[in-house]
Amino acid sequence: MEEKTFYPFPELETERLMLREVCPDDAESMFETFGNKEAMEYYGMHVHETVEDTNQLIERMQTNLEAGKSIRWAIVDKKSGKCIGTCGFHRLDEHKKRGEVGYEINPSLWRKGYMKEALHAIIYYGFEGFGFHRIEGIVLGNNEPSKQLLRKLNFTHEGSLTDRYYFRDRFWDEHYFGLINPNGGVK
């Protein structure tokens, strides 16, 4: 049997957050974000109409995790015990030395530092635990808060591609960010 890439699942802890594997019990909480039009504006995914849409997303996350294609953490607020968002890595290269970071959080918690705290933890783990050499971020359109977040985490804006992504009957610019492991990252 093939060894699973991301098992045991790496649980991470920060001052305010617990980062753990996404599970079906998170669907209701995640729907608050994935069912929110404003939160999904730059996400590149259609707004979820029902909790069942979110359940299907969780199933895809679990399938991709088991296949070693991506890893997604549930971001859990320690005080409330509630899943407030997710973050993780996808588009891994063949040798798993590079991944693209993805993230979303409940809009009621925007600009409170939760996502920066969560991403700091997974970026560190990506470099030290997985041995990534490079982590990338792609930001759609004019999503200035996401661009600012990546810059605060020391990502460098490496360029933009005009009208690169077609979604919701329009073209979107893609802005590319990169972060190189200061320790090399190759295991």
N, C-alpha and C. Protein backbone atom coordinates (compact mmCIF):
# COMPACT_ATOMS: atom_id res chain seq x y z
N MET A 1 0.85 -1.19 0.00
CA MET A 1 0.00 0.00 0.00
C MET A 1 0.88 1.24 0.00
N GLU A 2 0.50 2.22 -0.79
CA GLU A 2 1.25 3.47 -0.89
C GLU A 2 1.13 4.26 0.41
N GLU A 3 2.26 4.82 0.86
CA GLU A 3 2.25 5.64 2.06
C GLU A 3 1.54 6.94 1.78
N LYS A 4 0.66 7.36 2.67
CA LYS A 4 -0.06 8.61 2.49
C LYS A 4 0.86 9.77 2.79
N THR A 5 0.84 10.77 1.92
CA THR A 5 1.76 11.90 1.99
C THR A 5 1.60 12.71 3.26
N PHE A 6 0.39 13.00 3.67
CA PHE A 6 0.15 13.93 4.76
C PHE A 6 -0.38 13.26 6.03
N TYR A 7 0.04 12.01 6.26
CA TYR A 7 -0.40 11.31 7.47
C TYR A 7 0.82 10.89 8.27
N PRO A 8 0.76 11.00 9.60
CA PRO A 8 -0.39 11.52 10.34
C PRO A 8 -0.60 12.99 10.02
N PHE A 9 -1.85 13.42 10.07
CA PHE A 9 -2.17 14.79 9.73
C PHE A 9 -1.50 15.72 10.73
N PRO A 10 -0.77 16.73 10.25
CA PRO A 10 -0.05 17.63 11.17
C PRO A 10 -0.98 18.68 11.79
N GLU A 11 -1.31 18.49 13.05
CA GLU A 11 -2.09 19.49 13.76
C GLU A 11 -1.15 20.57 14.27
N LEU A 12 -1.55 21.83 14.10
CA LEU A 12 -0.72 22.96 14.48
C LEU A 12 -1.50 23.85 15.44
N GLU A 13 -0.77 24.53 16.31
CA GLU A 13 -1.42 25.39 17.30
C GLU A 13 -0.71 26.73 17.33
N THR A 14 -1.51 27.79 17.43
CA THR A 14 -0.99 29.14 17.59
C THR A 14 -1.60 29.72 18.87
N GLU A 15 -1.34 30.97 19.11
CA GLU A 15 -1.87 31.59 20.33
C GLU A 15 -3.39 31.51 20.42
N ARG A 16 -4.08 31.81 19.31
CA ARG A 16 -5.55 31.83 19.33
C ARG A 16 -6.21 30.70 18.58
N LEU A 17 -5.41 29.91 17.84
CA LEU A 17 -6.00 28.98 16.89
C LEU A 17 -5.48 27.56 17.03
N MET A 18 -6.32 26.62 16.65
CA MET A 18 -5.93 25.22 16.46
C MET A 18 -6.17 24.93 14.98
N LEU A 19 -5.15 24.38 14.33
CA LEU A 19 -5.27 24.02 12.92
C LEU A 19 -5.28 22.50 12.85
N ARG A 20 -6.37 21.94 12.33
CA ARG A 20 -6.55 20.50 12.27
C ARG A 20 -7.19 20.12 10.94
N GLU A 21 -7.32 18.83 10.73
CA GLU A 21 -7.91 18.33 9.49
C GLU A 21 -9.37 18.79 9.38
N VAL A 22 -9.76 19.18 8.18
CA VAL A 22 -11.16 19.54 7.92
C VAL A 22 -11.99 18.26 8.00
N CYS A 23 -13.17 18.35 8.63
CA CYS A 23 -14.04 17.18 8.77
C CYS A 23 -15.48 17.55 8.44
N PRO A 24 -16.34 16.57 8.20
CA PRO A 24 -17.74 16.86 7.85
C PRO A 24 -18.47 17.73 8.87
N ASP A 25 -18.08 17.66 10.14
CA ASP A 25 -18.73 18.50 11.15
C ASP A 25 -18.48 19.98 10.95
N ASP A 26 -17.53 20.33 10.08
CA ASP A 26 -17.21 21.74 9.81
C ASP A 26 -18.12 22.36 8.76
N ALA A 27 -18.98 21.59 8.12
CA ALA A 27 -19.75 22.06 6.97
C ALA A 27 -20.58 23.30 7.29
N GLU A 28 -21.31 23.29 8.38
CA GLU A 28 -22.17 24.44 8.71
C GLU A 28 -21.35 25.71 8.88
N SER A 29 -20.25 25.62 9.62
CA SER A 29 -19.39 26.79 9.83
C SER A 29 -18.76 27.25 8.53
N MET A 30 -18.28 26.31 7.72
CA MET A 30 -17.65 26.67 6.46
C MET A 30 -18.65 27.28 5.49
N PHE A 31 -19.90 26.85 5.55
CA PHE A 31 -20.93 27.40 4.67
C PHE A 31 -21.13 28.89 4.92
N GLU A 32 -20.89 29.35 6.15
CA GLU A 32 -21.01 30.78 6.45
C GLU A 32 -20.06 31.60 5.58
N THR A 33 -18.94 31.02 5.20
CA THR A 33 -18.00 31.70 4.31
C THR A 33 -18.27 31.36 2.85
N PHE A 34 -18.35 30.07 2.52
CA PHE A 34 -18.52 29.67 1.13
C PHE A 34 -19.89 30.03 0.57
N GLY A 35 -20.85 30.30 1.43
CA GLY A 35 -22.17 30.74 1.00
C GLY A 35 -22.31 32.26 0.99
N ASN A 36 -21.22 32.97 1.26
CA ASN A 36 -21.23 34.43 1.35
C ASN A 36 -20.67 35.02 0.06
N LYS A 37 -21.49 35.78 -0.65
CA LYS A 37 -21.09 36.35 -1.94
C LYS A 37 -19.85 37.23 -1.82
N GLU A 38 -19.79 38.07 -0.81
CA GLU A 38 -18.63 38.95 -0.63
C GLU A 38 -17.35 38.16 -0.38
N ALA A 39 -17.45 37.12 0.44
CA ALA A 39 -16.27 36.30 0.75
C ALA A 39 -15.77 35.54 -0.47
N MET A 40 -16.65 35.22 -1.39
CA MET A 40 -16.29 34.42 -2.56
C MET A 40 -15.96 35.27 -3.79
N GLU A 41 -16.01 36.58 -3.64
CA GLU A 41 -15.79 37.49 -4.78
C GLU A 41 -14.53 37.15 -5.57
N TYR A 42 -13.41 36.93 -4.88
CA TYR A 42 -12.13 36.69 -5.55
C TYR A 42 -11.65 35.25 -5.39
N TYR A 43 -12.52 34.36 -4.98
CA TYR A 43 -12.09 33.00 -4.64
C TYR A 43 -11.95 32.08 -5.84
N GLY A 44 -12.61 32.39 -6.94
CA GLY A 44 -12.53 31.51 -8.11
C GLY A 44 -13.42 30.29 -8.00
N MET A 45 -14.45 30.39 -7.16
CA MET A 45 -15.40 29.30 -6.97
C MET A 45 -16.78 29.93 -6.83
N HIS A 46 -17.78 29.24 -7.33
CA HIS A 46 -19.14 29.76 -7.21
C HIS A 46 -19.58 29.74 -5.75
N VAL A 47 -20.43 30.69 -5.40
CA VAL A 47 -20.99 30.77 -4.05
C VAL A 47 -21.82 29.52 -3.80
N HIS A 48 -21.64 28.91 -2.64
CA HIS A 48 -22.43 27.72 -2.30
C HIS A 48 -23.87 28.12 -2.02
N GLU A 49 -24.78 27.35 -2.60
CA GLU A 49 -26.21 27.60 -2.41
C GLU A 49 -26.74 26.90 -1.16
N THR A 50 -26.15 25.73 -0.83
CA THR A 50 -26.63 24.94 0.30
C THR A 50 -25.44 24.37 1.07
N VAL A 51 -25.70 23.88 2.24
CA VAL A 51 -24.67 23.21 3.04
C VAL A 51 -24.18 21.96 2.32
N GLU A 52 -25.04 21.34 1.51
CA GLU A 52 -24.64 20.17 0.75
C GLU A 52 -23.50 20.51 -0.22
N ASP A 53 -23.52 21.72 -0.80
CA ASP A 53 -22.41 22.16 -1.65
C ASP A 53 -21.11 22.16 -0.85
N THR A 54 -21.18 22.63 0.39
CA THR A 54 -20.00 22.67 1.26
C THR A 54 -19.57 21.26 1.65
N ASN A 55 -20.53 20.38 1.89
CA ASN A 55 -20.20 18.97 2.18
C ASN A 55 -19.43 18.35 1.02
N GLN A 56 -19.86 18.64 -0.20
CA GLN A 56 -19.16 18.11 -1.37
C GLN A 56 -17.74 18.66 -1.46
N LEU A 57 -17.56 19.93 -1.12
CA LEU A 57 -16.22 20.52 -1.10
C LEU A 57 -15.34 19.81 -0.07
N ILE A 58 -15.88 19.54 1.10
CA ILE A 58 -15.12 18.83 2.14
C ILE A 58 -14.72 17.44 1.65
N GLU A 59 -15.63 16.76 0.97
CA GLU A 59 -15.31 15.44 0.41
C GLU A 59 -14.15 15.54 -0.58
N ARG A 60 -14.17 16.58 -1.45
CA ARG A 60 -13.07 16.76 -2.40
C ARG A 60 -11.76 17.06 -1.67
N MET A 61 -11.84 17.86 -0.61
CA MET A 61 -10.64 18.16 0.18
C MET A 61 -10.05 16.87 0.76
N GLN A 62 -10.92 15.99 1.27
CA GLN A 62 -10.46 14.74 1.87
C GLN A 62 -9.89 13.80 0.81
N THR A 63 -10.52 13.75 -0.36
CA THR A 63 -10.02 12.91 -1.46
C THR A 63 -8.65 13.40 -1.91
N ASN A 64 -8.49 14.71 -2.08
CA ASN A 64 -7.20 15.27 -2.49
C ASN A 64 -6.13 15.07 -1.42
N LEU A 65 -6.51 15.13 -0.16
CA LEU A 65 -5.57 14.88 0.93
C LEU A 65 -5.07 13.44 0.86
N GLU A 66 -6.01 12.51 0.72
CA GLU A 66 -5.63 11.09 0.67
C GLU A 66 -4.76 10.77 -0.53
N ALA A 67 -4.96 11.51 -1.63
CA ALA A 67 -4.17 11.29 -2.84
C ALA A 67 -2.84 12.05 -2.81
N GLY A 68 -2.61 12.85 -1.77
CA GLY A 68 -1.37 13.63 -1.68
C GLY A 68 -1.34 14.81 -2.62
N LYS A 69 -2.51 15.24 -3.12
CA LYS A 69 -2.58 16.36 -4.06
C LYS A 69 -2.64 17.71 -3.36
N SER A 70 -3.19 17.73 -2.15
CA SER A 70 -3.32 18.98 -1.41
C SER A 70 -3.55 18.67 0.06
N ILE A 71 -3.37 19.69 0.87
CA ILE A 71 -3.65 19.58 2.30
C ILE A 71 -4.36 20.85 2.74
N ARG A 72 -5.41 20.68 3.51
CA ARG A 72 -6.21 21.82 3.97
C ARG A 72 -6.45 21.68 5.46
N TRP A 73 -6.16 22.74 6.20
CA TRP A 73 -6.40 22.77 7.64
C TRP A 73 -7.69 23.53 7.93
N ALA A 74 -8.49 23.05 8.88
CA ALA A 74 -9.58 23.82 9.44
C ALA A 74 -8.95 24.78 10.44
N ILE A 75 -9.32 26.04 10.37
CA ILE A 75 -8.85 27.04 11.32
C ILE A 75 -9.90 27.13 12.42
N VAL A 76 -9.54 26.70 13.61
CA VAL A 76 -10.50 26.63 14.71
C VAL A 76 -10.12 27.65 15.78
N ASP A 77 -11.08 28.51 16.12
CA ASP A 77 -10.88 29.48 17.20
C ASP A 77 -10.88 28.72 18.53
N LYS A 78 -9.81 28.86 19.29
CA LYS A 78 -9.71 28.11 20.56
C LYS A 78 -10.81 28.49 21.54
N LYS A 79 -11.19 29.76 21.58
CA LYS A 79 -12.21 30.19 22.55
C LYS A 79 -13.57 29.58 22.27
N SER A 80 -13.99 29.64 21.01
CA SER A 80 -15.34 29.18 20.67
C SER A 80 -15.37 27.71 20.24
N GLY A 81 -14.23 27.18 19.81
CA GLY A 81 -14.19 25.82 19.27
C GLY A 81 -14.76 25.71 17.88
N LYS A 82 -15.05 26.85 17.24
CA LYS A 82 -15.70 26.88 15.94
C LYS A 82 -14.67 26.99 14.81
N CYS A 83 -14.95 26.29 13.72
CA CYS A 83 -14.15 26.44 12.51
C CYS A 83 -14.49 27.80 11.90
N ILE A 84 -13.49 28.66 11.74
CA ILE A 84 -13.72 30.01 11.24
C ILE A 84 -13.19 30.20 9.82
N GLY A 85 -12.53 29.18 9.27
CA GLY A 85 -12.00 29.26 7.92
C GLY A 85 -11.13 28.05 7.64
N THR A 86 -10.48 28.05 6.48
CA THR A 86 -9.53 27.00 6.16
C THR A 86 -8.34 27.62 5.45
N CYS A 87 -7.24 26.88 5.45
CA CYS A 87 -6.06 27.29 4.70
C CYS A 87 -5.26 26.04 4.38
N GLY A 88 -4.42 26.13 3.38
CA GLY A 88 -3.63 24.95 3.04
C GLY A 88 -2.81 25.16 1.79
N PHE A 89 -2.31 24.04 1.28
CA PHE A 89 -1.47 24.04 0.09
C PHE A 89 -2.09 23.14 -0.98
N HIS A 90 -2.04 23.61 -2.22
CA HIS A 90 -2.48 22.83 -3.36
C HIS A 90 -1.52 23.10 -4.51
N ARG A 91 -1.81 22.50 -5.66
CA ARG A 91 -0.94 22.61 -6.83
C ARG A 91 0.51 22.30 -6.46
N LEU A 92 0.68 21.19 -5.77
CA LEU A 92 2.01 20.75 -5.36
C LEU A 92 2.77 20.25 -6.58
N ASP A 93 4.06 20.52 -6.63
CA ASP A 93 4.83 19.99 -7.75
C ASP A 93 5.09 18.50 -7.52
N GLU A 94 5.60 17.84 -8.53
CA GLU A 94 5.78 16.38 -8.51
C GLU A 94 6.60 15.91 -7.31
N HIS A 95 7.57 16.66 -6.92
CA HIS A 95 8.45 16.26 -5.82
C HIS A 95 8.08 16.91 -4.50
N LYS A 96 6.96 17.62 -4.47
CA LYS A 96 6.43 18.26 -3.26
C LYS A 96 7.41 19.27 -2.65
N LYS A 97 8.17 19.95 -3.50
CA LYS A 97 9.08 20.99 -3.02
C LYS A 97 8.50 22.38 -3.21
N ARG A 98 7.28 22.42 -3.75
CA ARG A 98 6.62 23.69 -3.99
C ARG A 98 5.12 23.49 -3.84
N GLY A 99 4.47 24.47 -3.25
CA GLY A 99 3.02 24.43 -3.15
C GLY A 99 2.45 25.82 -3.23
N GLU A 100 1.17 25.89 -3.60
CA GLU A 100 0.47 27.17 -3.64
C GLU A 100 -0.43 27.27 -2.42
N VAL A 101 -0.37 28.39 -1.74
CA VAL A 101 -1.16 28.59 -0.55
C VAL A 101 -2.55 29.08 -0.95
N GLY A 102 -3.56 28.61 -0.23
CA GLY A 102 -4.93 29.05 -0.43
C GLY A 102 -5.59 29.24 0.93
N TYR A 103 -6.56 30.13 1.01
CA TYR A 103 -7.14 30.46 2.31
C TYR A 103 -8.45 31.22 2.16
N GLU A 104 -9.27 31.11 3.17
CA GLU A 104 -10.48 31.92 3.30
C GLU A 104 -10.89 31.91 4.77
N ILE A 105 -11.59 32.96 5.17
CA ILE A 105 -12.02 33.06 6.56
C ILE A 105 -13.38 33.74 6.60
N ASN A 106 -14.14 33.45 7.63
CA ASN A 106 -15.45 34.04 7.82
C ASN A 106 -15.32 35.57 7.74
N PRO A 107 -16.13 36.23 6.91
CA PRO A 107 -16.01 37.68 6.75
C PRO A 107 -16.15 38.47 8.06
N SER A 108 -16.86 37.94 9.03
CA SER A 108 -17.00 38.66 10.30
C SER A 108 -15.66 38.77 11.03
N LEU A 109 -14.66 38.01 10.59
CA LEU A 109 -13.35 38.02 11.24
C LEU A 109 -12.25 38.63 10.37
N TRP A 110 -12.63 39.23 9.26
CA TRP A 110 -11.64 39.87 8.40
C TRP A 110 -10.91 40.98 9.17
N ARG A 111 -9.63 41.12 8.88
CA ARG A 111 -8.76 42.18 9.39
C ARG A 111 -8.61 42.16 10.91
N LYS A 112 -8.63 40.96 11.46
CA LYS A 112 -8.39 40.80 12.91
C LYS A 112 -7.13 39.98 13.18
N GLY A 113 -6.37 39.67 12.13
CA GLY A 113 -5.10 38.98 12.28
C GLY A 113 -5.18 37.46 12.35
N TYR A 114 -6.38 36.89 12.26
CA TYR A 114 -6.51 35.44 12.36
C TYR A 114 -5.84 34.72 11.18
N MET A 115 -6.07 35.24 9.96
CA MET A 115 -5.50 34.55 8.81
C MET A 115 -3.99 34.69 8.79
N LYS A 116 -3.47 35.84 9.15
CA LYS A 116 -2.02 36.00 9.21
C LYS A 116 -1.42 35.00 10.20
N GLU A 117 -2.07 34.83 11.33
CA GLU A 117 -1.61 33.89 12.36
C GLU A 117 -1.64 32.45 11.84
N ALA A 118 -2.72 32.09 11.16
CA ALA A 118 -2.85 30.73 10.62
C ALA A 118 -1.83 30.48 9.51
N LEU A 119 -1.70 31.44 8.59
CA LEU A 119 -0.77 31.25 7.47
C LEU A 119 0.67 31.21 7.95
N HIS A 120 0.99 32.00 8.94
CA HIS A 120 2.36 31.95 9.49
C HIS A 120 2.68 30.53 9.95
N ALA A 121 1.73 29.90 10.61
CA ALA A 121 1.95 28.54 11.12
C ALA A 121 2.11 27.52 9.99
N ILE A 122 1.25 27.60 8.95
CA ILE A 122 1.37 26.59 7.89
C ILE A 122 2.57 26.85 6.99
N ILE A 123 2.94 28.11 6.83
CA ILE A 123 4.13 28.41 6.02
C ILE A 123 5.37 27.85 6.72
N TYR A 124 5.46 28.06 8.01
CA TYR A 124 6.59 27.51 8.76
C TYR A 124 6.60 25.98 8.61
N TYR A 125 5.42 25.37 8.76
CA TYR A 125 5.35 23.91 8.64
C TYR A 125 5.66 23.46 7.21
N GLY A 126 5.21 24.21 6.23
CA GLY A 126 5.52 23.88 4.84
C GLY A 126 7.01 23.84 4.59
N PHE A 127 7.73 24.80 5.14
CA PHE A 127 9.18 24.84 4.97
C PHE A 127 9.89 23.80 5.83
N GLU A 128 9.54 23.74 7.10
CA GLU A 128 10.26 22.86 8.03
C GLU A 128 9.73 21.43 8.05
N GLY A 129 8.42 21.26 7.96
CA GLY A 129 7.84 19.92 8.03
C GLY A 129 7.82 19.19 6.70
N PHE A 130 7.43 19.90 5.63
CA PHE A 130 7.34 19.29 4.31
C PHE A 130 8.62 19.46 3.50
N GLY A 131 9.47 20.40 3.90
CA GLY A 131 10.69 20.65 3.16
C GLY A 131 10.48 21.43 1.87
N PHE A 132 9.40 22.22 1.81
CA PHE A 132 9.19 23.05 0.62
C PHE A 132 10.38 23.98 0.41
N HIS A 133 10.72 24.20 -0.83
CA HIS A 133 11.70 25.22 -1.18
C HIS A 133 11.01 26.55 -1.47
N ARG A 134 9.77 26.45 -1.98
CA ARG A 134 9.05 27.65 -2.43
C ARG A 134 7.56 27.51 -2.14
N ILE A 135 6.95 28.61 -1.72
CA ILE A 135 5.50 28.68 -1.55
C ILE A 135 5.01 29.84 -2.40
N GLU A 136 3.94 29.58 -3.14
CA GLU A 136 3.40 30.59 -4.04
C GLU A 136 1.99 30.98 -3.61
N GLY A 137 1.60 32.18 -4.00
CA GLY A 137 0.24 32.66 -3.80
C GLY A 137 -0.22 33.37 -5.05
N ILE A 138 -1.44 33.09 -5.47
CA ILE A 138 -2.02 33.77 -6.63
C ILE A 138 -3.26 34.51 -6.16
N VAL A 139 -3.30 35.80 -6.45
CA VAL A 139 -4.41 36.65 -6.03
C VAL A 139 -5.15 37.12 -7.27
N LEU A 140 -6.47 36.95 -7.26
CA LEU A 140 -7.30 37.37 -8.40
C LEU A 140 -7.71 38.83 -8.27
N GLY A 141 -7.72 39.49 -9.41
CA GLY A 141 -8.31 40.83 -9.50
C GLY A 141 -7.72 41.84 -8.55
N ASN A 142 -8.59 42.67 -8.03
CA ASN A 142 -8.17 43.77 -7.15
C ASN A 142 -8.34 43.41 -5.68
N ASN A 143 -8.01 42.20 -5.32
CA ASN A 143 -8.15 41.76 -3.93
C ASN A 143 -6.97 42.30 -3.11
N GLU A 144 -7.03 43.59 -2.81
CA GLU A 144 -5.94 44.26 -2.10
C GLU A 144 -5.68 43.68 -0.72
N PRO A 145 -6.72 43.33 0.07
CA PRO A 145 -6.43 42.74 1.38
C PRO A 145 -5.60 41.46 1.30
N SER A 146 -5.86 40.63 0.29
CA SER A 146 -5.09 39.40 0.15
C SER A 146 -3.65 39.71 -0.27
N LYS A 147 -3.47 40.67 -1.15
CA LYS A 147 -2.12 41.08 -1.54
C LYS A 147 -1.35 41.61 -0.32
N GLN A 148 -2.01 42.44 0.47
CA GLN A 148 -1.37 42.99 1.68
C GLN A 148 -0.99 41.89 2.65
N LEU A 149 -1.87 40.91 2.81
CA LEU A 149 -1.60 39.80 3.72
C LEU A 149 -0.34 39.06 3.29
N LEU A 150 -0.24 38.73 2.01
CA LEU A 150 0.94 38.01 1.53
C LEU A 150 2.21 38.85 1.73
N ARG A 151 2.12 40.14 1.47
CA ARG A 151 3.29 41.01 1.70
C ARG A 151 3.70 41.02 3.17
N LYS A 152 2.72 41.06 4.08
CA LYS A 152 3.02 41.03 5.52
C LYS A 152 3.73 39.74 5.92
N LEU A 153 3.49 38.68 5.15
CA LEU A 153 4.12 37.38 5.41
C LEU A 153 5.43 37.21 4.62
N ASN A 154 5.93 38.32 4.08
CA ASN A 154 7.21 38.40 3.37
C ASN A 154 7.20 37.79 1.97
N PHE A 155 6.03 37.58 1.39
CA PHE A 155 5.96 37.17 0.00
C PHE A 155 6.36 38.35 -0.88
N THR A 156 6.95 38.05 -2.01
CA THR A 156 7.33 39.06 -2.99
C THR A 156 6.38 39.00 -4.17
N HIS A 157 5.89 40.15 -4.60
CA HIS A 157 5.08 40.19 -5.82
C HIS A 157 6.02 39.99 -6.99
N GLU A 158 5.80 38.92 -7.74
CA GLU A 158 6.71 38.55 -8.82
C GLU A 158 6.19 38.93 -10.20
N GLY A 159 4.94 39.33 -10.28
CA GLY A 159 4.39 39.75 -11.56
C GLY A 159 2.90 39.51 -11.64
N SER A 160 2.32 40.04 -12.69
CA SER A 160 0.88 39.91 -12.92
C SER A 160 0.64 39.52 -14.37
N LEU A 161 -0.42 38.76 -14.57
CA LEU A 161 -0.84 38.38 -15.92
C LEU A 161 -2.24 38.96 -16.14
N THR A 162 -2.36 39.78 -17.14
CA THR A 162 -3.61 40.46 -17.44
C THR A 162 -4.60 39.49 -18.09
N ASP A 163 -5.84 39.55 -17.60
CA ASP A 163 -6.93 38.73 -18.16
C ASP A 163 -6.55 37.26 -18.28
N ARG A 164 -5.90 36.71 -17.29
CA ARG A 164 -5.39 35.33 -17.31
C ARG A 164 -6.45 34.30 -16.96
N TYR A 165 -7.42 34.66 -16.10
CA TYR A 165 -8.37 33.69 -15.55
C TYR A 165 -9.78 34.10 -15.95
N TYR A 166 -10.51 33.17 -16.58
CA TYR A 166 -11.89 33.44 -16.99
C TYR A 166 -12.84 32.77 -16.00
N PHE A 167 -13.70 33.58 -15.39
CA PHE A 167 -14.62 33.08 -14.38
C PHE A 167 -15.77 34.07 -14.24
N ARG A 168 -16.97 33.55 -14.04
CA ARG A 168 -18.17 34.37 -13.90
C ARG A 168 -18.33 35.35 -15.07
N ASP A 169 -18.13 34.82 -16.26
CA ASP A 169 -18.36 35.58 -17.49
C ASP A 169 -17.47 36.81 -17.65
N ARG A 170 -16.27 36.75 -17.06
CA ARG A 170 -15.35 37.85 -17.25
C ARG A 170 -13.92 37.36 -17.08
N PHE A 171 -12.98 38.16 -17.50
CA PHE A 171 -11.57 37.85 -17.32
C PHE A 171 -11.04 38.56 -16.08
N TRP A 172 -10.14 37.88 -15.38
CA TRP A 172 -9.53 38.42 -14.17
C TRP A 172 -8.01 38.44 -14.33
N ASP A 173 -7.39 39.47 -13.80
CA ASP A 173 -5.93 39.48 -13.72
C ASP A 173 -5.50 38.54 -12.61
N GLU A 174 -4.34 37.91 -12.78
CA GLU A 174 -3.75 37.09 -11.71
C GLU A 174 -2.44 37.75 -11.28
N HIS A 175 -2.29 37.88 -9.97
CA HIS A 175 -1.10 38.50 -9.38
C HIS A 175 -0.33 37.40 -8.65
N TYR A 176 0.93 37.20 -9.04
CA TYR A 176 1.74 36.09 -8.54
C TYR A 176 2.70 36.56 -7.45
N PHE A 177 2.70 35.80 -6.34
CA PHE A 177 3.56 36.08 -5.21
C PHE A 177 4.37 34.82 -4.89
N GLY A 178 5.57 35.00 -4.39
CA GLY A 178 6.41 33.86 -4.04
C GLY A 178 7.20 34.11 -2.77
N LEU A 179 7.48 33.02 -2.07
CA LEU A 179 8.28 33.05 -0.85
C LEU A 179 9.23 31.86 -0.89
N ILE A 180 10.52 32.14 -0.78
CA ILE A 180 11.54 31.09 -0.82
C ILE A 180 11.94 30.73 0.62
N ASN A 181 12.12 29.45 0.86
CA ASN A 181 12.54 28.97 2.17
C ASN A 181 13.93 29.53 2.48
N PRO A 182 14.07 30.29 3.55
CA PRO A 182 15.39 30.85 3.88
C PRO A 182 16.42 29.78 4.24
N ASN A 183 15.94 28.58 4.58
CA ASN A 183 16.86 27.48 4.94
C ASN A 183 17.06 26.48 3.81
N GLY A 184 16.56 26.78 2.64
CA GLY A 184 16.75 25.88 1.49
C GLY A 184 15.57 24.96 1.25
N GLY A 185 15.12 24.28 2.27
CA GLY A 185 13.89 23.50 2.19
C GLY A 185 13.97 22.12 1.58
N VAL A 186 15.08 21.68 1.06
CA VAL A 186 15.14 20.37 0.42
C VAL A 186 15.54 19.33 1.46
N LYS A 187 14.71 18.30 1.62
CA LYS A 187 15.01 17.24 2.59
C LYS A 187 15.63 16.06 1.90
